[in-house]
Every structure is written in structure tokens, then in C-alpha cells.
PDB file of N, CA and C in Angstrom:
ATOM      1  N   UNK A   1     114.520  97.837 182.656  1.00  0.00           N
ATOM      2  CA  UNK A   1     115.016  98.678 183.723  1.00  0.00           C
ATOM      3  C   UNK A   1     115.560  97.794 184.842  1.00  0.00           C
ATOM      4  N   UNK A   2     116.763  98.121 185.286  1.00  0.00           N
ATOM      5  CA  UNK A   2     117.368  97.422 186.411  1.00  0.00           C
ATOM      6  C   UNK A   2     116.802  97.995 187.711  1.00  0.00           C
ATOM      7  N   UNK A   3     116.596  97.110 188.691  1.00  0.00           N
ATOM      8  CA  UNK A   3     116.177  97.565 190.014  1.00  0.00           C
ATOM      9  C   UNK A   3     116.672  96.561 191.038  1.00  0.00           C
ATOM     10  N   UNK A   4     116.486  96.871 192.287  1.00  0.00           N
ATOM     11  CA  UNK A   4     116.972  95.991 193.345  1.00  0.00           C
ATOM     12  C   UNK A   4     118.369  96.397 193.769  1.00  0.00           C
ATOM     13  N   UNK A   5     119.100  95.465 194.332  1.00  0.00           N
ATOM     14  CA  UNK A   5     120.457  95.724 194.803  1.00  0.00           C
ATOM     15  C   UNK A   5     121.406  95.638 193.613  1.00  0.00           C
ATOM     16  N   UNK A   6     121.946  96.785 193.198  1.00  0.00           N
ATOM     17  CA  UNK A   6     122.750  96.849 191.982  1.00  0.00           C
ATOM     18  C   UNK A   6     124.212  97.140 192.282  1.00  0.00           C
ATOM     19  N   UNK A   7     125.053  96.678 191.361  1.00  0.00           N
ATOM     20  CA  UNK A   7     126.467  97.003 191.377  1.00  0.00           C
ATOM     21  C   UNK A   7     126.829  97.659 190.057  1.00  0.00           C
ATOM     22  N   UNK A   8     127.733  98.632 190.110  1.00  0.00           N
ATOM     23  CA  UNK A   8     128.169  99.345 188.915  1.00  0.00           C
ATOM     24  C   UNK A   8     129.678  99.485 188.951  1.00  0.00           C
ATOM     25  N   UNK A   9     130.318  99.101 187.850  1.00  0.00           N
ATOM     26  CA  UNK A   9     131.759  99.278 187.684  1.00  0.00           C
ATOM     27  C   UNK A   9     131.958 100.166 186.468  1.00  0.00           C
ATOM     28  N   UNK A  10     132.763 101.218 186.630  1.00  0.00           N
ATOM     29  CA  UNK A  10     132.998 102.190 185.562  1.00  0.00           C
ATOM     30  C   UNK A  10     134.477 102.182 185.197  1.00  0.00           C
ATOM     31  N   UNK A  11     134.768 102.033 183.908  1.00  0.00           N
ATOM     32  CA  UNK A  11     136.123 102.207 183.384  1.00  0.00           C
ATOM     33  C   UNK A  11     136.118 103.533 182.637  1.00  0.00           C
ATOM     34  N   UNK A  12     136.941 104.483 183.088  1.00  0.00           N
ATOM     35  CA  UNK A  12     136.979 105.828 182.515  1.00  0.00           C
ATOM     36  C   UNK A  12     138.227 105.985 181.655  1.00  0.00           C
ATOM     37  N   UNK A  13     138.023 106.232 180.367  1.00  0.00           N
ATOM     38  CA  UNK A  13     139.098 106.448 179.403  1.00  0.00           C
ATOM     39  C   UNK A  13     139.114 107.939 179.078  1.00  0.00           C
ATOM     40  N   UNK A  14     140.027 108.708 179.678  1.00  0.00           N
ATOM     41  CA  UNK A  14     140.012 110.153 179.455  1.00  0.00           C
ATOM     42  C   UNK A  14     140.426 110.515 178.029  1.00  0.00           C
ATOM     43  N   UNK A  15     139.974 111.691 177.549  1.00  0.00           N
ATOM     44  CA  UNK A  15     140.302 112.096 176.182  1.00  0.00           C
ATOM     45  C   UNK A  15     141.725 112.640 176.038  1.00  0.00           C
ATOM     46  N   UNK A  16     142.350 113.012 177.159  1.00  0.00           N
ATOM     47  CA  UNK A  16     143.711 113.549 177.119  1.00  0.00           C
ATOM     48  C   UNK A  16     144.346 113.356 178.494  1.00  0.00           C
ATOM     49  N   UNK A  17     145.533 113.881 178.676  1.00  0.00           N
ATOM     50  CA  UNK A  17     146.278 113.655 179.916  1.00  0.00           C
ATOM     51  C   UNK A  17     146.091 114.749 180.975  1.00  0.00           C
ATOM     52  N   UNK A  18     145.139 115.645 180.783  1.00  0.00           N
ATOM     53  CA  UNK A  18     144.889 116.667 181.801  1.00  0.00           C
ATOM     54  C   UNK A  18     144.432 116.017 183.111  1.00  0.00           C
ATOM     55  N   UNK A  19     144.730 116.688 184.226  1.00  0.00           N
ATOM     56  CA  UNK A  19     144.307 116.180 185.525  1.00  0.00           C
ATOM     57  C   UNK A  19     142.788 116.215 185.632  1.00  0.00           C
ATOM     58  N   UNK A  20     142.214 115.130 186.134  1.00  0.00           N
ATOM     59  CA  UNK A  20     140.774 115.037 186.343  1.00  0.00           C
ATOM     60  C   UNK A  20     140.516 114.264 187.629  1.00  0.00           C
ATOM     61  N   UNK A  21     139.487 114.651 188.348  1.00  0.00           N
ATOM     62  CA  UNK A  21     139.058 113.908 189.528  1.00  0.00           C
ATOM     63  C   UNK A  21     138.031 112.867 189.091  1.00  0.00           C
ATOM     64  N   UNK A  22     138.308 111.605 189.354  1.00  0.00           N
ATOM     65  CA  UNK A  22     137.382 110.546 188.955  1.00  0.00           C
ATOM     66  C   UNK A  22     136.011 110.698 189.601  1.00  0.00           C
ATOM     67  N   UNK A  23     135.972 111.162 190.838  1.00  0.00           N
ATOM     68  CA  UNK A  23     134.683 111.256 191.515  1.00  0.00           C
ATOM     69  C   UNK A  23     133.730 112.234 190.836  1.00  0.00           C
ATOM     70  N   UNK A  24     134.243 113.165 190.033  1.00  0.00           N
ATOM     71  CA  UNK A  24     133.366 114.090 189.317  1.00  0.00           C
ATOM     72  C   UNK A  24     132.553 113.391 188.223  1.00  0.00           C
ATOM     73  N   UNK A  25     132.980 112.228 187.790  1.00  0.00           N
ATOM     74  CA  UNK A  25     132.248 111.482 186.765  1.00  0.00           C
ATOM     75  C   UNK A  25     131.018 110.773 187.323  1.00  0.00           C
ATOM     76  N   UNK A  26     131.015 110.521 188.612  1.00  0.00           N
ATOM     77  CA  UNK A  26     129.971 109.672 189.192  1.00  0.00           C
ATOM     78  C   UNK A  26     128.582 110.296 189.137  1.00  0.00           C
ATOM     79  N   UNK A  27     128.422 111.519 189.586  1.00  0.00           N
ATOM     80  CA  UNK A  27     127.095 112.133 189.666  1.00  0.00           C
ATOM     81  C   UNK A  27     126.415 112.184 188.297  1.00  0.00           C
ATOM     82  N   UNK A  28     127.107 112.689 187.294  1.00  0.00           N
ATOM     83  CA  UNK A  28     126.504 112.795 185.961  1.00  0.00           C
ATOM     84  C   UNK A  28     126.178 111.421 185.382  1.00  0.00           C
ATOM     85  N   UNK A  29     127.054 110.446 185.616  1.00  0.00           N
ATOM     86  CA  UNK A  29     126.828 109.094 185.095  1.00  0.00           C
ATOM     87  C   UNK A  29     125.607 108.456 185.747  1.00  0.00           C
ATOM     88  N   UNK A  30     125.514 108.549 187.068  1.00  0.00           N
ATOM     89  CA  UNK A  30     124.367 107.969 187.779  1.00  0.00           C
ATOM     90  C   UNK A  30     123.067 108.685 187.394  1.00  0.00           C
ATOM     91  N   UNK A  31     123.110 110.007 187.293  1.00  0.00           N
ATOM     92  CA  UNK A  31     121.920 110.751 186.884  1.00  0.00           C
ATOM     93  C   UNK A  31     121.487 110.368 185.473  1.00  0.00           C
ATOM     94  N   UNK A  32     122.439 110.140 184.572  1.00  0.00           N
ATOM     95  CA  UNK A  32     122.099 109.733 183.201  1.00  0.00           C
ATOM     96  C   UNK A  32     121.449 108.350 183.177  1.00  0.00           C
ATOM     97  N   UNK A  33     121.910 107.444 184.021  1.00  0.00           N
ATOM     98  CA  UNK A  33     121.303 106.111 184.082  1.00  0.00           C
ATOM     99  C   UNK A  33     119.854 106.179 184.550  1.00  0.00           C
ATOM    100  N   UNK A  34     119.567 107.081 185.487  1.00  0.00           N
ATOM    101  CA  UNK A  34     118.190 107.269 185.956  1.00  0.00           C
ATOM    102  C   UNK A  34     117.360 107.957 184.875  1.00  0.00           C
ATOM    103  N   UNK A  35     117.882 109.023 184.291  1.00  0.00           N
ATOM    104  CA  UNK A  35     117.151 109.801 183.280  1.00  0.00           C
ATOM    105  C   UNK A  35     116.760 108.939 182.078  1.00  0.00           C
ATOM    106  N   UNK A  36     117.633 108.040 181.672  1.00  0.00           N
ATOM    107  CA  UNK A  36     117.353 107.176 180.520  1.00  0.00           C
ATOM    108  C   UNK A  36     116.590 105.919 180.911  1.00  0.00           C
ATOM    109  N   UNK A  37     116.213 105.833 182.190  1.00  0.00           N
ATOM    110  CA  UNK A  37     115.421 104.718 182.717  1.00  0.00           C
ATOM    111  C   UNK A  37     116.135 103.374 182.636  1.00  0.00           C
ATOM    112  N   UNK A  38     117.465 103.409 182.682  1.00  0.00           N
ATOM    113  CA  UNK A  38     118.231 102.166 182.757  1.00  0.00           C
ATOM    114  C   UNK A  38     118.167 101.623 184.174  1.00  0.00           C
ATOM    115  N   UNK A  39     118.193 102.542 185.155  1.00  0.00           N
ATOM    116  CA  UNK A  39     117.973 102.149 186.543  1.00  0.00           C
ATOM    117  C   UNK A  39     116.824 102.978 187.103  1.00  0.00           C
ATOM    118  N   UNK A  40     116.160 102.461 188.129  1.00  0.00           N
ATOM    119  CA  UNK A  40     115.023 103.147 188.748  1.00  0.00           C
ATOM    120  C   UNK A  40     115.486 104.371 189.518  1.00  0.00           C
ATOM    121  N   UNK A  41     116.518 104.179 190.346  1.00  0.00           N
ATOM    122  CA  UNK A  41     117.009 105.255 191.193  1.00  0.00           C
ATOM    123  C   UNK A  41     118.457 104.961 191.554  1.00  0.00           C
ATOM    124  N   UNK A  42     119.296 105.984 191.656  1.00  0.00           N
ATOM    125  CA  UNK A  42     120.696 105.716 191.967  1.00  0.00           C
ATOM    126  C   UNK A  42     120.897 105.247 193.409  1.00  0.00           C
ATOM    127  N   UNK A  43     119.875 105.349 194.238  1.00  0.00           N
ATOM    128  CA  UNK A  43     119.968 104.784 195.588  1.00  0.00           C
ATOM    129  C   UNK A  43     119.929 103.257 195.559  1.00  0.00           C
ATOM    130  N   UNK A  44     119.578 102.652 194.421  1.00  0.00           N
ATOM    131  CA  UNK A  44     119.588 101.191 194.283  1.00  0.00           C
ATOM    132  C   UNK A  44     121.007 100.636 194.140  1.00  0.00           C
ATOM    133  N   UNK A  45     121.992 101.491 193.913  1.00  0.00           N
ATOM    134  CA  UNK A  45     123.367 101.030 193.732  1.00  0.00           C
ATOM    135  C   UNK A  45     124.009 100.815 195.099  1.00  0.00           C
ATOM    136  N   UNK A  46     124.325  99.551 195.382  1.00  0.00           N
ATOM    137  CA  UNK A  46     124.935  99.163 196.656  1.00  0.00           C
ATOM    138  C   UNK A  46     126.448  99.020 196.546  1.00  0.00           C
ATOM    139  N   UNK A  47     126.949  98.741 195.357  1.00  0.00           N
ATOM    140  CA  UNK A  47     128.392  98.597 195.137  1.00  0.00           C
ATOM    141  C   UNK A  47     128.772  99.439 193.934  1.00  0.00           C
ATOM    142  N   UNK A  48     129.891 100.168 194.074  1.00  0.00           N
ATOM    143  CA  UNK A  48     130.299 101.097 193.028  1.00  0.00           C
ATOM    144  C   UNK A  48     131.813 101.112 192.934  1.00  0.00           C
ATOM    145  N   UNK A  49     132.317 100.966 191.717  1.00  0.00           N
ATOM    146  CA  UNK A  49     133.760 101.031 191.494  1.00  0.00           C
ATOM    147  C   UNK A  49     134.062 101.856 190.262  1.00  0.00           C
ATOM    148  N   UNK A  50     135.210 102.544 190.296  1.00  0.00           N
ATOM    149  CA  UNK A  50     135.620 103.347 189.143  1.00  0.00           C
ATOM    150  C   UNK A  50     137.132 103.257 189.009  1.00  0.00           C
ATOM    151  N   UNK A  51     137.606 103.152 187.777  1.00  0.00           N
ATOM    152  CA  UNK A  51     139.050 103.070 187.522  1.00  0.00           C
ATOM    153  C   UNK A  51     139.386 103.899 186.297  1.00  0.00           C
ATOM    154  N   UNK A  52     140.515 104.607 186.383  1.00  0.00           N
ATOM    155  CA  UNK A  52     141.012 105.359 185.235  1.00  0.00           C
ATOM    156  C   UNK A  52     141.793 104.399 184.338  1.00  0.00           C
ATOM    157  N   UNK A  53     141.557 104.479 183.066  1.00  0.00           N
ATOM    158  CA  UNK A  53     142.250 103.657 182.079  1.00  0.00           C
ATOM    159  C   UNK A  53     143.107 104.557 181.185  1.00  0.00           C
ATOM    160  N   UNK A  54     143.627 104.008 180.103  1.00  0.00           N
ATOM    161  CA  UNK A  54     144.509 104.773 179.215  1.00  0.00           C
ATOM    162  C   UNK A  54     143.727 105.843 178.447  1.00  0.00           C
ATOM    163  N   UNK A  55     144.448 106.835 177.975  1.00  0.00           N
ATOM    164  CA  UNK A  55     143.860 107.916 177.182  1.00  0.00           C
ATOM    165  C   UNK A  55     143.280 107.341 175.894  1.00  0.00           C
ATOM    166  N   UNK A  56     142.078 107.828 175.545  1.00  0.00           N
ATOM    167  CA  UNK A  56     141.422 107.416 174.312  1.00  0.00           C
ATOM    168  C   UNK A  56     140.868 108.677 173.655  1.00  0.00           C
ATOM    169  N   UNK A  57     141.264 108.976 172.425  1.00  0.00           N
ATOM    170  CA  UNK A  57     140.760 110.184 171.771  1.00  0.00           C
ATOM    171  C   UNK A  57     139.231 110.259 171.850  1.00  0.00           C
ATOM    172  N   UNK A  58     138.733 111.394 172.281  1.00  0.00           N
ATOM    173  CA  UNK A  58     137.295 111.562 172.444  1.00  0.00           C
ATOM    174  C   UNK A  58     136.792 111.127 173.816  1.00  0.00           C
ATOM    175  N   UNK A  59     137.567 110.309 174.522  1.00  0.00           N
ATOM    176  CA  UNK A  59     137.173 109.810 175.833  1.00  0.00           C
ATOM    177  C   UNK A  59     136.067 108.772 175.746  1.00  0.00           C
ATOM    178  N   UNK A  60     135.918 108.014 176.809  1.00  0.00           N
ATOM    179  CA  UNK A  60     134.876 106.975 176.831  1.00  0.00           C
ATOM    180  C   UNK A  60     134.667 106.507 178.263  1.00  0.00           C
ATOM    181  N   UNK A  61     133.428 106.188 178.590  1.00  0.00           N
ATOM    182  CA  UNK A  61     133.108 105.490 179.823  1.00  0.00           C
ATOM    183  C   UNK A  61     132.546 104.133 179.439  1.00  0.00           C
ATOM    184  N   UNK A  62     133.050 103.084 180.060  1.00  0.00           N
ATOM    185  CA  UNK A  62     132.525 101.738 179.855  1.00  0.00           C
ATOM    186  C   UNK A  62     131.911 101.310 181.182  1.00  0.00           C
ATOM    187  N   UNK A  63     130.621 100.972 181.150  1.00  0.00           N
ATOM    188  CA  UNK A  63     129.884 100.628 182.360  1.00  0.00           C
ATOM    189  C   UNK A  63     129.538  99.148 182.386  1.00  0.00           C
ATOM    190  N   UNK A  64     129.665  98.565 183.562  1.00  0.00           N
ATOM    191  CA  UNK A  64     129.175  97.200 183.785  1.00  0.00           C
ATOM    192  C   UNK A  64     128.196  97.285 184.948  1.00  0.00           C
ATOM    193  N   UNK A  65     126.937  96.980 184.669  1.00  0.00           N
ATOM    194  CA  UNK A  65     125.867  97.122 185.630  1.00  0.00           C
ATOM    195  C   UNK A  65     125.166  95.787 185.791  1.00  0.00           C
ATOM    196  N   UNK A  66     124.830  95.447 187.006  1.00  0.00           N
ATOM    197  CA  UNK A  66     124.098  94.210 187.240  1.00  0.00           C
ATOM    198  C   UNK A  66     123.674  94.089 188.683  1.00  0.00           C
ATOM    199  N   UNK A  67     122.938  93.035 188.965  1.00  0.00           N
ATOM    200  CA  UNK A  67     122.539  92.760 190.335  1.00  0.00           C
ATOM    201  C   UNK A  67     123.785  92.381 191.125  1.00  0.00           C
ATOM    202  N   UNK A  68     123.860  92.833 192.366  1.00  0.00           N
ATOM    203  CA  UNK A  68     125.045  92.613 193.192  1.00  0.00           C
ATOM    204  C   UNK A  68     125.377  91.137 193.269  1.00  0.00           C
ATOM    205  N   UNK A  69     124.416  90.273 193.463  1.00  0.00           N
ATOM    206  CA  UNK A  69     124.679  88.839 193.585  1.00  0.00           C
ATOM    207  C   UNK A  69     125.272  88.260 192.307  1.00  0.00           C
ATOM    208  N   UNK A  70     124.906  88.779 191.144  1.00  0.00           N
ATOM    209  CA  UNK A  70     125.415  88.273 189.870  1.00  0.00           C
ATOM    210  C   UNK A  70     126.823  88.785 189.581  1.00  0.00           C
ATOM    211  N   UNK A  71     127.247  89.869 190.233  1.00  0.00           N
ATOM    212  CA  UNK A  71     128.550  90.459 189.954  1.00  0.00           C
ATOM    213  C   UNK A  71     129.642  89.907 190.851  1.00  0.00           C
ATOM    214  N   UNK A  72     129.286  89.126 191.866  1.00  0.00           N
ATOM    215  CA  UNK A  72     130.289  88.617 192.799  1.00  0.00           C
ATOM    216  C   UNK A  72     130.900  87.335 192.302  1.00  0.00           C
TER     217      UNK A  72
END
């Protein structure tokens, strides 16, 4: 389980070209990380980035998570 000062970078590959708000992905993603005990609490995330990537059938989120000091 990750804890402490964390950074998270999300690459979002949508399943199609429909309009989507990237910020809608954040809550469910952070809640899933807590629920699966990958992180202790989403309040531990001090740095957060998200970027839309190219369309990928089925869609995909690629996450990079680590301690803030290790990600700089």
C-alpha cells in the first residue's frame, strides 16, 4: 500500500470519439485506488495530472503512482 505524499499521473485512452470531461474520471479512479487498498486515502495525493490520449477500442486508463519526491 502506498502512503505519504503521493503523485498520480493518469493517461486516459477513450473508447470512442464522443465528448467526455476528463475530470469525471478522477473521482472513480481515486475511489478505486482506495477501495483496492493501493493507496491509504485519496487525501494523500499531493500532485495529480491527467491527459487525454488517442482512442483505444474498449478504452483504458494508464496510471503512474509514486511518492512525490520520486516522481520529480
